[in-house]
Amino acid sequence: MTADGLFDMPGHAAGRHEKALQRAIEDATARGVIESVDDGLVSLALANATALDSAERSGKPAYPIAQITGGYLDVLRALAMTPEGRVTDADAELRQALEDLGSAEVRDPAT
């Protein structure tokens, strides 16, 4: 899926955000993290990436970038395309074991 397939953007040249997202989408799809049922969110993520690229090309990118970034990050989280979204079962088991160790009751050997 590309921005060209989603929007009527004659002469559209992908910027760095769109290119990075496209690589991430391809990898996430290959690993089964995202599927065709996620196409709506993928479309929204591509729109955000394209908007970020457009904002960077504008004369004053700070405000539009600030406005786009939060929502874009929410979409990436929903697609499990952020580090915290890629927790594996082994990670969850390790995290639980560490939590259990941290909450273990310490007994006084003198009693």
PDB file of N, CA and C in Angstrom:
ATOM      1  N   MET A   1       0.855  -1.173   0.000  1.00  0.00           N
ATOM      2  CA  MET A   1       0.000   0.000   0.000  1.00  0.00           C
ATOM      3  C   MET A   1       0.900   1.235   0.000  1.00  0.00           C
ATOM      4  N   THR A   2       0.618   2.168  -0.873  1.00  0.00           N
ATOM      5  CA  THR A   2       1.392   3.403  -0.934  1.00  0.00           C
ATOM      6  C   THR A   2       0.454   4.585  -0.888  1.00  0.00           C
ATOM      7  N   ALA A   3       1.031   5.739  -0.601  1.00  0.00           N
ATOM      8  CA  ALA A   3       0.222   6.956  -0.586  1.00  0.00           C
ATOM      9  C   ALA A   3      -0.376   7.203  -1.964  1.00  0.00           C
ATOM     10  N   ASP A   4       0.339   6.839  -3.030  1.00  0.00           N
ATOM     11  CA  ASP A   4      -0.188   7.034  -4.376  1.00  0.00           C
ATOM     12  C   ASP A   4      -1.478   6.248  -4.572  1.00  0.00           C
ATOM     13  N   GLY A   5      -1.602   5.098  -3.905  1.00  0.00           N
ATOM     14  CA  GLY A   5      -2.804   4.304  -4.019  1.00  0.00           C
ATOM     15  C   GLY A   5      -3.949   4.820  -3.166  1.00  0.00           C
ATOM     16  N   LEU A   6      -3.656   5.701  -2.247  1.00  0.00           N
ATOM     17  CA  LEU A   6      -4.674   6.198  -1.330  1.00  0.00           C
ATOM     18  C   LEU A   6      -5.173   7.589  -1.681  1.00  0.00           C
ATOM     19  N   PHE A   7      -4.316   8.412  -2.242  1.00  0.00           N
ATOM     20  CA  PHE A   7      -4.630   9.808  -2.479  1.00  0.00           C
ATOM     21  C   PHE A   7      -4.370  10.165  -3.932  1.00  0.00           C
ATOM     22  N   ASP A   8      -5.092  11.127  -4.444  1.00  0.00           N
ATOM     23  CA  ASP A   8      -4.816  11.653  -5.773  1.00  0.00           C
ATOM     24  C   ASP A   8      -3.733  12.715  -5.619  1.00  0.00           C
ATOM     25  N   MET A   9      -2.490  12.303  -5.770  1.00  0.00           N
ATOM     26  CA  MET A   9      -1.350  13.193  -5.550  1.00  0.00           C
ATOM     27  C   MET A   9      -0.426  13.120  -6.760  1.00  0.00           C
ATOM     28  N   PRO A  10      -0.787  13.788  -7.852  1.00  0.00           N
ATOM     29  CA  PRO A  10       0.064  13.728  -9.038  1.00  0.00           C
ATOM     30  C   PRO A  10       1.480  14.211  -8.719  1.00  0.00           C
ATOM     31  N   GLY A  11       2.452  13.473  -9.205  1.00  0.00           N
ATOM     32  CA  GLY A  11       3.844  13.867  -9.004  1.00  0.00           C
ATOM     33  C   GLY A  11       4.317  13.719  -7.573  1.00  0.00           C
ATOM     34  N   HIS A  12       3.581  12.996  -6.759  1.00  0.00           N
ATOM     35  CA  HIS A  12       3.929  12.808  -5.349  1.00  0.00           C
ATOM     36  C   HIS A  12       5.254  12.066  -5.224  1.00  0.00           C
ATOM     37  N   ALA A  13       6.144  12.628  -4.441  1.00  0.00           N
ATOM     38  CA  ALA A  13       7.412  11.964  -4.137  1.00  0.00           C
ATOM     39  C   ALA A  13       7.435  11.694  -2.641  1.00  0.00           C
ATOM     40  N   ALA A  14       7.576  10.437  -2.267  1.00  0.00           N
ATOM     41  CA  ALA A  14       7.590  10.071  -0.854  1.00  0.00           C
ATOM     42  C   ALA A  14       8.762  10.727  -0.154  1.00  0.00           C
ATOM     43  N   GLY A  15       8.498  11.243   1.038  1.00  0.00           N
ATOM     44  CA  GLY A  15       9.546  11.823   1.877  1.00  0.00           C
ATOM     45  C   GLY A  15      10.068  10.794   2.856  1.00  0.00           C
ATOM     46  N   ARG A  16      10.924  11.243   3.772  1.00  0.00           N
ATOM     47  CA  ARG A  16      11.582  10.305   4.682  1.00  0.00           C
ATOM     48  C   ARG A  16      10.613   9.601   5.629  1.00  0.00           C
ATOM     49  N   HIS A  17       9.570  10.297   6.084  1.00  0.00           N
ATOM     50  CA  HIS A  17       8.611   9.660   6.997  1.00  0.00           C
ATOM     51  C   HIS A  17       7.795   8.596   6.281  1.00  0.00           C
ATOM     52  N   GLU A  18       7.354   8.912   5.083  1.00  0.00           N
ATOM     53  CA  GLU A  18       6.579   7.937   4.317  1.00  0.00           C
ATOM     54  C   GLU A  18       7.436   6.728   3.950  1.00  0.00           C
ATOM     55  N   LYS A  19       8.686   6.955   3.562  1.00  0.00           N
ATOM     56  CA  LYS A  19       9.581   5.845   3.218  1.00  0.00           C
ATOM     57  C   LYS A  19       9.843   4.962   4.432  1.00  0.00           C
ATOM     58  N   ALA A  20      10.084   5.582   5.586  1.00  0.00           N
ATOM     59  CA  ALA A  20      10.330   4.807   6.804  1.00  0.00           C
ATOM     60  C   ALA A  20       9.099   4.005   7.194  1.00  0.00           C
ATOM     61  N   LEU A  21       7.928   4.616   7.088  1.00  0.00           N
ATOM     62  CA  LEU A  21       6.701   3.908   7.420  1.00  0.00           C
ATOM     63  C   LEU A  21       6.462   2.762   6.444  1.00  0.00           C
ATOM     64  N   GLN A  22       6.715   2.973   5.191  1.00  0.00           N
ATOM     65  CA  GLN A  22       6.518   1.909   4.197  1.00  0.00           C
ATOM     66  C   GLN A  22       7.391   0.704   4.520  1.00  0.00           C
ATOM     67  N   ARG A  23       8.649   0.957   4.906  1.00  0.00           N
ATOM     68  CA  ARG A  23       9.530  -0.158   5.312  1.00  0.00           C
ATOM     69  C   ARG A  23       8.971  -0.864   6.541  1.00  0.00           C
ATOM     70  N   ALA A  24       8.489  -0.087   7.504  1.00  0.00           N
ATOM     71  CA  ALA A  24       7.932  -0.666   8.728  1.00  0.00           C
ATOM     72  C   ALA A  24       6.681  -1.476   8.429  1.00  0.00           C
ATOM     73  N   ILE A  25       5.840  -0.986   7.540  1.00  0.00           N
ATOM     74  CA  ILE A  25       4.623  -1.715   7.162  1.00  0.00           C
ATOM     75  C   ILE A  25       4.978  -3.039   6.496  1.00  0.00           C
ATOM     76  N   GLU A  26       5.939  -3.010   5.593  1.00  0.00           N
ATOM     77  CA  GLU A  26       6.356  -4.236   4.913  1.00  0.00           C
ATOM     78  C   GLU A  26       6.885  -5.256   5.913  1.00  0.00           C
ATOM     79  N   ASP A  27       7.704  -4.804   6.860  1.00  0.00           N
ATOM     80  CA  ASP A  27       8.255  -5.702   7.870  1.00  0.00           C
ATOM     81  C   ASP A  27       7.158  -6.232   8.789  1.00  0.00           C
ATOM     82  N   ALA A  28       6.281  -5.348   9.258  1.00  0.00           N
ATOM     83  CA  ALA A  28       5.196  -5.760  10.155  1.00  0.00           C
ATOM     84  C   ALA A  28       4.247  -6.734   9.465  1.00  0.00           C
ATOM     85  N   THR A  29       4.004  -6.529   8.192  1.00  0.00           N
ATOM     86  CA  THR A  29       3.146  -7.433   7.428  1.00  0.00           C
ATOM     87  C   THR A  29       3.814  -8.801   7.291  1.00  0.00           C
ATOM     88  N   ALA A  30       5.096  -8.802   6.976  1.00  0.00           N
ATOM     89  CA  ALA A  30       5.836 -10.060   6.820  1.00  0.00           C
ATOM     90  C   ALA A  30       5.868 -10.852   8.121  1.00  0.00           C
ATOM     91  N   ARG A  31       5.900 -10.163   9.255  1.00  0.00           N
ATOM     92  CA  ARG A  31       5.941 -10.843  10.556  1.00  0.00           C
ATOM     93  C   ARG A  31       4.552 -11.142  11.114  1.00  0.00           C
ATOM     94  N   GLY A  32       3.516 -10.754  10.395  1.00  0.00           N
ATOM     95  CA  GLY A  32       2.156 -11.016  10.844  1.00  0.00           C
ATOM     96  C   GLY A  32       1.656 -10.068  11.917  1.00  0.00           C
ATOM     97  N   VAL A  33       2.356  -8.972  12.117  1.00  0.00           N
ATOM     98  CA  VAL A  33       1.938  -7.991  13.123  1.00  0.00           C
ATOM     99  C   VAL A  33       0.710  -7.234  12.640  1.00  0.00           C
ATOM    100  N   ILE A  34       0.696  -6.893  11.358  1.00  0.00           N
ATOM    101  CA  ILE A  34      -0.484  -6.255  10.780  1.00  0.00           C
ATOM    102  C   ILE A  34      -0.989  -7.111   9.625  1.00  0.00           C
ATOM    103  N   GLU A  35      -2.302  -7.052   9.426  1.00  0.00           N
ATOM    104  CA  GLU A  35      -2.963  -7.860   8.404  1.00  0.00           C
ATOM    105  C   GLU A  35      -3.885  -6.965   7.594  1.00  0.00           C
ATOM    106  N   SER A  36      -4.535  -7.520   6.604  1.00  0.00           N
ATOM    107  CA  SER A  36      -5.400  -6.719   5.740  1.00  0.00           C
ATOM    108  C   SER A  36      -6.536  -6.057   6.521  1.00  0.00           C
ATOM    109  N   VAL A  37      -6.930  -6.650   7.623  1.00  0.00           N
ATOM    110  CA  VAL A  37      -7.987  -6.051   8.439  1.00  0.00           C
ATOM    111  C   VAL A  37      -7.537  -4.701   9.013  1.00  0.00           C
ATOM    112  N   ASP A  38      -6.237  -4.455   9.028  1.00  0.00           N
ATOM    113  CA  ASP A  38      -5.673  -3.210   9.549  1.00  0.00           C
ATOM    114  C   ASP A  38      -5.518  -2.130   8.482  1.00  0.00           C
ATOM    115  N   ASP A  39      -6.005  -2.378   7.265  1.00  0.00           N
ATOM    116  CA  ASP A  39      -5.790  -1.441   6.162  1.00  0.00           C
ATOM    117  C   ASP A  39      -6.275  -0.022   6.459  1.00  0.00           C
ATOM    118  N   GLY A  40      -7.361   0.110   7.192  1.00  0.00           N
ATOM    119  CA  GLY A  40      -7.851   1.448   7.534  1.00  0.00           C
ATOM    120  C   GLY A  40      -6.855   2.218   8.374  1.00  0.00           C
ATOM    121  N   LEU A  41      -6.298   1.550   9.377  1.00  0.00           N
ATOM    122  CA  LEU A  41      -5.292   2.204  10.207  1.00  0.00           C
ATOM    123  C   LEU A  41      -3.996   2.438   9.437  1.00  0.00           C
ATOM    124  N   VAL A  42      -3.642   1.495   8.577  1.00  0.00           N
ATOM    125  CA  VAL A  42      -2.442   1.672   7.751  1.00  0.00           C
ATOM    126  C   VAL A  42      -2.617   2.895   6.856  1.00  0.00           C
ATOM    127  N   SER A  43      -3.801   3.054   6.295  1.00  0.00           N
ATOM    128  CA  SER A  43      -4.097   4.211   5.461  1.00  0.00           C
ATOM    129  C   SER A  43      -3.937   5.503   6.248  1.00  0.00           C
ATOM    130  N   LEU A  44      -4.440   5.494   7.481  1.00  0.00           N
ATOM    131  CA  LEU A  44      -4.316   6.671   8.334  1.00  0.00           C
ATOM    132  C   LEU A  44      -2.861   6.947   8.688  1.00  0.00           C
ATOM    133  N   ALA A  45      -2.101   5.903   8.947  1.00  0.00           N
ATOM    134  CA  ALA A  45      -0.675   6.074   9.244  1.00  0.00           C
ATOM    135  C   ALA A  45       0.053   6.673   8.048  1.00  0.00           C
ATOM    136  N   LEU A  46      -0.262   6.180   6.842  1.00  0.00           N
ATOM    137  CA  LEU A  46       0.371   6.733   5.640  1.00  0.00           C
ATOM    138  C   LEU A  46      -0.013   8.192   5.427  1.00  0.00           C
ATOM    139  N   ALA A  47      -1.259   8.530   5.710  1.00  0.00           N
ATOM    140  CA  ALA A  47      -1.684   9.929   5.586  1.00  0.00           C
ATOM    141  C   ALA A  47      -0.896  10.804   6.555  1.00  0.00           C
ATOM    142  N   ASN A  48      -0.689  10.315   7.775  1.00  0.00           N
ATOM    143  CA  ASN A  48       0.087  11.069   8.756  1.00  0.00           C
ATOM    144  C   ASN A  48       1.545  11.211   8.337  1.00  0.00           C
ATOM    145  N   ALA A  49       2.118  10.140   7.812  1.00  0.00           N
ATOM    146  CA  ALA A  49       3.514  10.204   7.362  1.00  0.00           C
ATOM    147  C   ALA A  49       3.657  11.201   6.212  1.00  0.00           C
ATOM    148  N   THR A  50       2.715  11.168   5.285  1.00  0.00           N
ATOM    149  CA  THR A  50       2.737  12.097   4.157  1.00  0.00           C
ATOM    150  C   THR A  50       2.572  13.532   4.652  1.00  0.00           C
ATOM    151  N   ALA A  51       1.687  13.725   5.634  1.00  0.00           N
ATOM    152  CA  ALA A  51       1.496  15.062   6.202  1.00  0.00           C
ATOM    153  C   ALA A  51       2.764  15.554   6.904  1.00  0.00           C
ATOM    154  N   LEU A  52       3.459  14.662   7.597  1.00  0.00           N
ATOM    155  CA  LEU A  52       4.718  15.054   8.233  1.00  0.00           C
ATOM    156  C   LEU A  52       5.755  15.467   7.194  1.00  0.00           C
ATOM    157  N   ASP A  53       5.837  14.694   6.120  1.00  0.00           N
ATOM    158  CA  ASP A  53       6.771  15.057   5.050  1.00  0.00           C
ATOM    159  C   ASP A  53       6.416  16.417   4.458  1.00  0.00           C
ATOM    160  N   SER A  54       5.141  16.649   4.238  1.00  0.00           N
ATOM    161  CA  SER A  54       4.688  17.929   3.701  1.00  0.00           C
ATOM    162  C   SER A  54       5.003  19.064   4.673  1.00  0.00           C
ATOM    163  N   ALA A  55       4.785  18.823   5.959  1.00  0.00           N
ATOM    164  CA  ALA A  55       5.076  19.843   6.967  1.00  0.00           C
ATOM    165  C   ALA A  55       6.557  20.181   6.988  1.00  0.00           C
ATOM    166  N   GLU A  56       7.405  19.167   6.864  1.00  0.00           N
ATOM    167  CA  GLU A  56       8.845  19.426   6.855  1.00  0.00           C
ATOM    168  C   GLU A  56       9.268  20.255   5.656  1.00  0.00           C
ATOM    169  N   ARG A  57       8.566  20.096   4.538  1.00  0.00           N
ATOM    170  CA  ARG A  57       8.912  20.859   3.340  1.00  0.00           C
ATOM    171  C   ARG A  57       8.373  22.295   3.402  1.00  0.00           C
ATOM    172  N   SER A  58       7.445  22.534   4.324  1.00  0.00           N
ATOM    173  CA  SER A  58       6.876  23.879   4.428  1.00  0.00           C
ATOM    174  C   SER A  58       7.875  24.832   5.082  1.00  0.00           C
ATOM    175  N   GLY A  59       7.592  26.101   5.000  1.00  0.00           N
ATOM    176  CA  GLY A  59       8.492  27.101   5.563  1.00  0.00           C
ATOM    177  C   GLY A  59       8.537  27.123   7.080  1.00  0.00           C
ATOM    178  N   LYS A  60       7.445  26.727   7.717  1.00  0.00           N
ATOM    179  CA  LYS A  60       7.365  26.746   9.176  1.00  0.00           C
ATOM    180  C   LYS A  60       6.801  25.416   9.670  1.00  0.00           C
ATOM    181  N   PRO A  61       7.644  24.389   9.774  1.00  0.00           N
ATOM    182  CA  PRO A  61       7.138  23.046  10.058  1.00  0.00           C
ATOM    183  C   PRO A  61       6.810  22.755  11.521  1.00  0.00           C
ATOM    184  N   ALA A  62       7.273  23.553  12.470  1.00  0.00           N
ATOM    185  CA  ALA A  62       7.154  23.196  13.886  1.00  0.00           C
ATOM    186  C   ALA A  62       5.701  22.980  14.317  1.00  0.00           C
ATOM    187  N   TYR A  63       4.808  23.909  14.033  1.00  0.00           N
ATOM    188  CA  TYR A  63       3.427  23.784  14.495  1.00  0.00           C
ATOM    189  C   TYR A  63       2.710  22.600  13.860  1.00  0.00           C
ATOM    190  N   PRO A  64       2.752  22.436  12.523  1.00  0.00           N
ATOM    191  CA  PRO A  64       2.050  21.272  11.955  1.00  0.00           C
ATOM    192  C   PRO A  64       2.620  19.950  12.444  1.00  0.00           C
ATOM    193  N   ILE A  65       3.919  19.879  12.612  1.00  0.00           N
ATOM    194  CA  ILE A  65       4.523  18.629  13.092  1.00  0.00           C
ATOM    195  C   ILE A  65       4.035  18.328  14.499  1.00  0.00           C
ATOM    196  N   ALA A  66       3.979  19.339  15.335  1.00  0.00           N
ATOM    197  CA  ALA A  66       3.487  19.148  16.703  1.00  0.00           C
ATOM    198  C   ALA A  66       2.037  18.683  16.701  1.00  0.00           C
ATOM    199  N   GLN A  67       1.248  19.169  15.771  1.00  0.00           N
ATOM    200  CA  GLN A  67      -0.161  18.798  15.698  1.00  0.00           C
ATOM    201  C   GLN A  67      -0.359  17.371  15.180  1.00  0.00           C
ATOM    202  N   ILE A  68       0.503  16.914  14.315  1.00  0.00           N
ATOM    203  CA  ILE A  68       0.363  15.604  13.682  1.00  0.00           C
ATOM    204  C   ILE A  68       0.917  14.475  14.553  1.00  0.00           C
ATOM    205  N   THR A  69       2.001  14.738  15.246  1.00  0.00           N
ATOM    206  CA  THR A  69       2.772  13.677  15.885  1.00  0.00           C
ATOM    207  C   THR A  69       1.987  12.843  16.897  1.00  0.00           C
ATOM    208  N   GLY A  70       1.211  13.462  17.760  1.00  0.00           N
ATOM    209  CA  GLY A  70       0.478  12.705  18.780  1.00  0.00           C
ATOM    210  C   GLY A  70      -0.499  11.707  18.190  1.00  0.00           C
ATOM    211  N   GLY A  71      -1.297  12.161  17.234  1.00  0.00           N
ATOM    212  CA  GLY A  71      -2.261  11.268  16.597  1.00  0.00           C
ATOM    213  C   GLY A  71      -1.582  10.163  15.802  1.00  0.00           C
ATOM    214  N   TYR A  72      -0.477  10.510  15.153  1.00  0.00           N
ATOM    215  CA  TYR A  72       0.284   9.532  14.371  1.00  0.00           C
ATOM    216  C   TYR A  72       0.812   8.433  15.299  1.00  0.00           C
ATOM    217  N   LEU A  73       1.341   8.837  16.434  1.00  0.00           N
ATOM    218  CA  LEU A  73       1.856   7.867  17.398  1.00  0.00           C
ATOM    219  C   LEU A  73       0.735   6.968  17.911  1.00  0.00           C
ATOM    220  N   ASP A  74      -0.451   7.523  18.124  1.00  0.00           N
ATOM    221  CA  ASP A  74      -1.600   6.712  18.543  1.00  0.00           C
ATOM    222  C   ASP A  74      -1.922   5.647  17.501  1.00  0.00           C
ATOM    223  N   VAL A  75      -1.869   6.014  16.226  1.00  0.00           N
ATOM    224  CA  VAL A  75      -2.150   5.050  15.149  1.00  0.00           C
ATOM    225  C   VAL A  75      -1.078   3.967  15.135  1.00  0.00           C
ATOM    226  N   LEU A  76       0.184   4.351  15.259  1.00  0.00           N
ATOM    227  CA  LEU A  76       1.264   3.357  15.279  1.00  0.00           C
ATOM    228  C   LEU A  76       1.106   2.408  16.464  1.00  0.00           C
ATOM    229  N   ARG A  77       0.711   2.943  17.614  1.00  0.00           N
ATOM    230  CA  ARG A  77       0.476   2.074  18.779  1.00  0.00           C
ATOM    231  C   ARG A  77      -0.666   1.096  18.509  1.00  0.00           C
ATOM    232  N   ALA A  78      -1.727   1.578  17.906  1.00  0.00           N
ATOM    233  CA  ALA A  78      -2.869   0.710  17.602  1.00  0.00           C
ATOM    234  C   ALA A  78      -2.470  -0.415  16.653  1.00  0.00           C
ATOM    235  N   LEU A  79      -1.493  -0.159  15.801  1.00  0.00           N
ATOM    236  CA  LEU A  79      -1.003  -1.175  14.867  1.00  0.00           C
ATOM    237  C   LEU A  79       0.111  -2.037  15.474  1.00  0.00           C
ATOM    238  N   ALA A  80       0.440  -1.832  16.743  1.00  0.00           N
ATOM    239  CA  ALA A  80       1.542  -2.540  17.419  1.00  0.00           C
ATOM    240  C   ALA A  80       2.857  -2.312  16.699  1.00  0.00           C
ATOM    241  N   MET A  81       3.048  -1.077  16.217  1.00  0.00           N
ATOM    242  CA  MET A  81       4.270  -0.732  15.491  1.00  0.00           C
ATOM    243  C   MET A  81       5.161   0.214  16.301  1.00  0.00           C
ATOM    244  N   THR A  82       5.090   0.077  17.621  1.00  0.00           N
ATOM    245  CA  THR A  82       5.991   0.803  18.515  1.00  0.00           C
ATOM    246  C   THR A  82       6.678  -0.238  19.395  1.00  0.00           C
ATOM    247  N   PRO A  83       7.794   0.104  20.010  1.00  0.00           N
ATOM    248  CA  PRO A  83       8.492  -0.901  20.833  1.00  0.00           C
ATOM    249  C   PRO A  83       7.611  -1.542  21.899  1.00  0.00           C
ATOM    250  N   GLU A  84       6.793  -0.760  22.584  1.00  0.00           N
ATOM    251  CA  GLU A  84       5.958  -1.364  23.627  1.00  0.00           C
ATOM    252  C   GLU A  84       4.871  -2.256  23.054  1.00  0.00           C
ATOM    253  N   GLY A  85       4.547  -2.087  21.797  1.00  0.00           N
ATOM    254  CA  GLY A  85       3.540  -2.913  21.156  1.00  0.00           C
ATOM    255  C   GLY A  85       4.069  -4.255  20.684  1.00  0.00           C
ATOM    256  N   ARG A  86       5.366  -4.440  20.770  1.00  0.00           N
ATOM    257  CA  ARG A  86       5.971  -5.680  20.284  1.00  0.00           C
ATOM    258  C   ARG A  86       6.420  -6.597  21.416  1.00  0.00           C
ATOM    259  N   VAL A  87       5.771  -6.532  22.548  1.00  0.00           N
ATOM    260  CA  VAL A  87       6.103  -7.391  23.671  1.00  0.00           C
ATOM    261  C   VAL A  87       5.758  -8.824  23.294  1.00  0.00           C
ATOM    262  N   THR A  88       6.708  -9.705  23.434  1.00  0.00           N
ATOM    263  CA  THR A  88       6.477 -11.115  23.116  1.00  0.00           C
ATOM    264  C   THR A  88       6.034 -11.859  24.376  1.00  0.00           C
ATOM    265  N   ASP A  89       5.610 -13.097  24.218  1.00  0.00           N
ATOM    266  CA  ASP A  89       5.238 -13.909  25.370  1.00  0.00           C
ATOM    267  C   ASP A  89       6.420 -14.065  26.320  1.00  0.00           C
ATOM    268  N   ALA A  90       7.621 -14.265  25.768  1.00  0.00           N
ATOM    269  CA  ALA A  90       8.807 -14.406  26.616  1.00  0.00           C
ATOM    270  C   ALA A  90       9.060 -13.120  27.395  1.00  0.00           C
ATOM    271  N   ASP A  91       8.871 -11.968  26.745  1.00  0.00           N
ATOM    272  CA  ASP A  91       9.031 -10.696  27.439  1.00  0.00           C
ATOM    273  C   ASP A  91       8.021 -10.574  28.579  1.00  0.00           C
ATOM    274  N   ALA A  92       6.792 -10.962  28.312  1.00  0.00           N
ATOM    275  CA  ALA A  92       5.743 -10.873  29.326  1.00  0.00           C
ATOM    276  C   ALA A  92       6.053 -11.794  30.503  1.00  0.00           C
ATOM    277  N   GLU A  93       6.540 -13.013  30.225  1.00  0.00           N
ATOM    278  CA  GLU A  93       6.898 -13.943  31.297  1.00  0.00           C
ATOM    279  C   GLU A  93       8.055 -13.406  32.125  1.00  0.00           C
ATOM    280  N   LEU A  94       9.063 -12.846  31.467  1.00  0.00           N
ATOM    281  CA  LEU A  94      10.206 -12.272  32.180  1.00  0.00           C
ATOM    282  C   LEU A  94       9.758 -11.094  33.031  1.00  0.00           C
ATOM    283  N   ARG A  95       8.934 -10.240  32.461  1.00  0.00           N
ATOM    284  CA  ARG A  95       8.429  -9.089  33.200  1.00  0.00           C
ATOM    285  C   ARG A  95       7.652  -9.547  34.441  1.00  0.00           C
ATOM    286  N   GLN A  96       6.824 -10.576  34.291  1.00  0.00           N
ATOM    287  CA  GLN A  96       6.058 -11.092  35.428  1.00  0.00           C
ATOM    288  C   GLN A  96       6.983 -11.677  36.484  1.00  0.00           C
ATOM    289  N   ALA A  97       8.000 -12.417  36.054  1.00  0.00           N
ATOM    290  CA  ALA A  97       8.948 -12.997  37.011  1.00  0.00           C
ATOM    291  C   ALA A  97       9.670 -11.902  37.789  1.00  0.00           C
ATOM    292  N   LEU A  98      10.068 -10.843  37.112  1.00  0.00           N
ATOM    293  CA  LEU A  98      10.744  -9.731  37.791  1.00  0.00           C
ATOM    294  C   LEU A  98       9.799  -9.024  38.755  1.00  0.00           C
ATOM    295  N   GLU A  99       8.552  -8.867  38.360  1.00  0.00           N
ATOM    296  CA  GLU A  99       7.571  -8.255  39.259  1.00  0.00           C
ATOM    297  C   GLU A  99       7.370  -9.138  40.489  1.00  0.00           C
ATOM    298  N   ASP A 100       7.322 -10.449  40.280  1.00  0.00           N
ATOM    299  CA  ASP A 100       7.155 -11.377  41.401  1.00  0.00           C
ATOM    300  C   ASP A 100       8.348 -11.300  42.349  1.00  0.00           C
ATOM    301  N   LEU A 101       9.554 -11.207  41.797  1.00  0.00           N
ATOM    302  CA  LEU A 101      10.740 -11.072  42.639  1.00  0.00           C
ATOM    303  C   LEU A 101      10.711  -9.773  43.435  1.00  0.00           C
ATOM    304  N   GLY A 102      10.278  -8.714  42.789  1.00  0.00           N
ATOM    305  CA  GLY A 102      10.230  -7.414  43.441  1.00  0.00           C
ATOM    306  C   GLY A 102       9.198  -7.341  44.542  1.00  0.00           C
ATOM    307  N   SER A 103       8.190  -8.180  44.479  1.00  0.00           N
ATOM    308  CA  SER A 103       7.139  -8.147  45.506  1.00  0.00           C
ATOM    309  C   SER A 103       7.251  -9.314  46.473  1.00  0.00           C
ATOM    310  N   ALA A 104       8.347 -10.060  46.381  1.00  0.00           N
ATOM    311  CA  ALA A 104       8.513 -11.213  47.254  1.00  0.00           C
ATOM    312  C   ALA A 104       8.633 -10.747  48.705  1.00  0.00           C
ATOM    313  N   GLU A 105       8.048 -11.508  49.589  1.00  0.00           N
ATOM    314  CA  GLU A 105       8.093 -11.190  51.006  1.00  0.00           C
ATOM    315  C   GLU A 105       9.450 -11.614  51.554  1.00  0.00           C
ATOM    316  N   VAL A 106      10.106 -10.727  52.260  1.00  0.00           N
ATOM    317  CA  VAL A 106      11.394 -11.029  52.859  1.00  0.00           C
ATOM    318  C   VAL A 106      11.149 -11.395  54.325  1.00  0.00           C
ATOM    319  N   ARG A 107      11.635 -12.561  54.702  1.00  0.00           N
ATOM    320  CA  ARG A 107      11.434 -13.021  56.068  1.00  0.00           C
ATOM    321  C   ARG A 107      12.678 -12.752  56.889  1.00  0.00           C
ATOM    322  N   ASP A 108      12.476 -12.413  58.131  1.00  0.00           N
ATOM    323  CA  ASP A 108      13.592 -12.178  59.061  1.00  0.00           C
ATOM    324  C   ASP A 108      14.073 -13.519  59.563  1.00  0.00           C
ATOM    325  N   PRO A 109      15.364 -13.889  59.273  1.00  0.00           N
ATOM    326  CA  PRO A 109      15.862 -15.210  59.688  1.00  0.00           C
ATOM    327  C   PRO A 109      15.928 -15.347  61.199  1.00  0.00           C
ATOM    328  N   ALA A 110      15.896 -14.273  61.941  1.00  0.00           N
ATOM    329  CA  ALA A 110      15.988 -14.347  63.401  1.00  0.00           C
ATOM    330  C   ALA A 110      14.672 -14.781  64.019  1.00  0.00           C
ATOM    331  N   THR A 111      13.600 -14.774  63.270  1.00  0.00           N
ATOM    332  CA  THR A 111      12.312 -15.154  63.866  1.00  0.00           C
ATOM    333  C   THR A 111      11.900 -16.542  63.487  1.00  0.00           C
TER     334      THR A 111
END
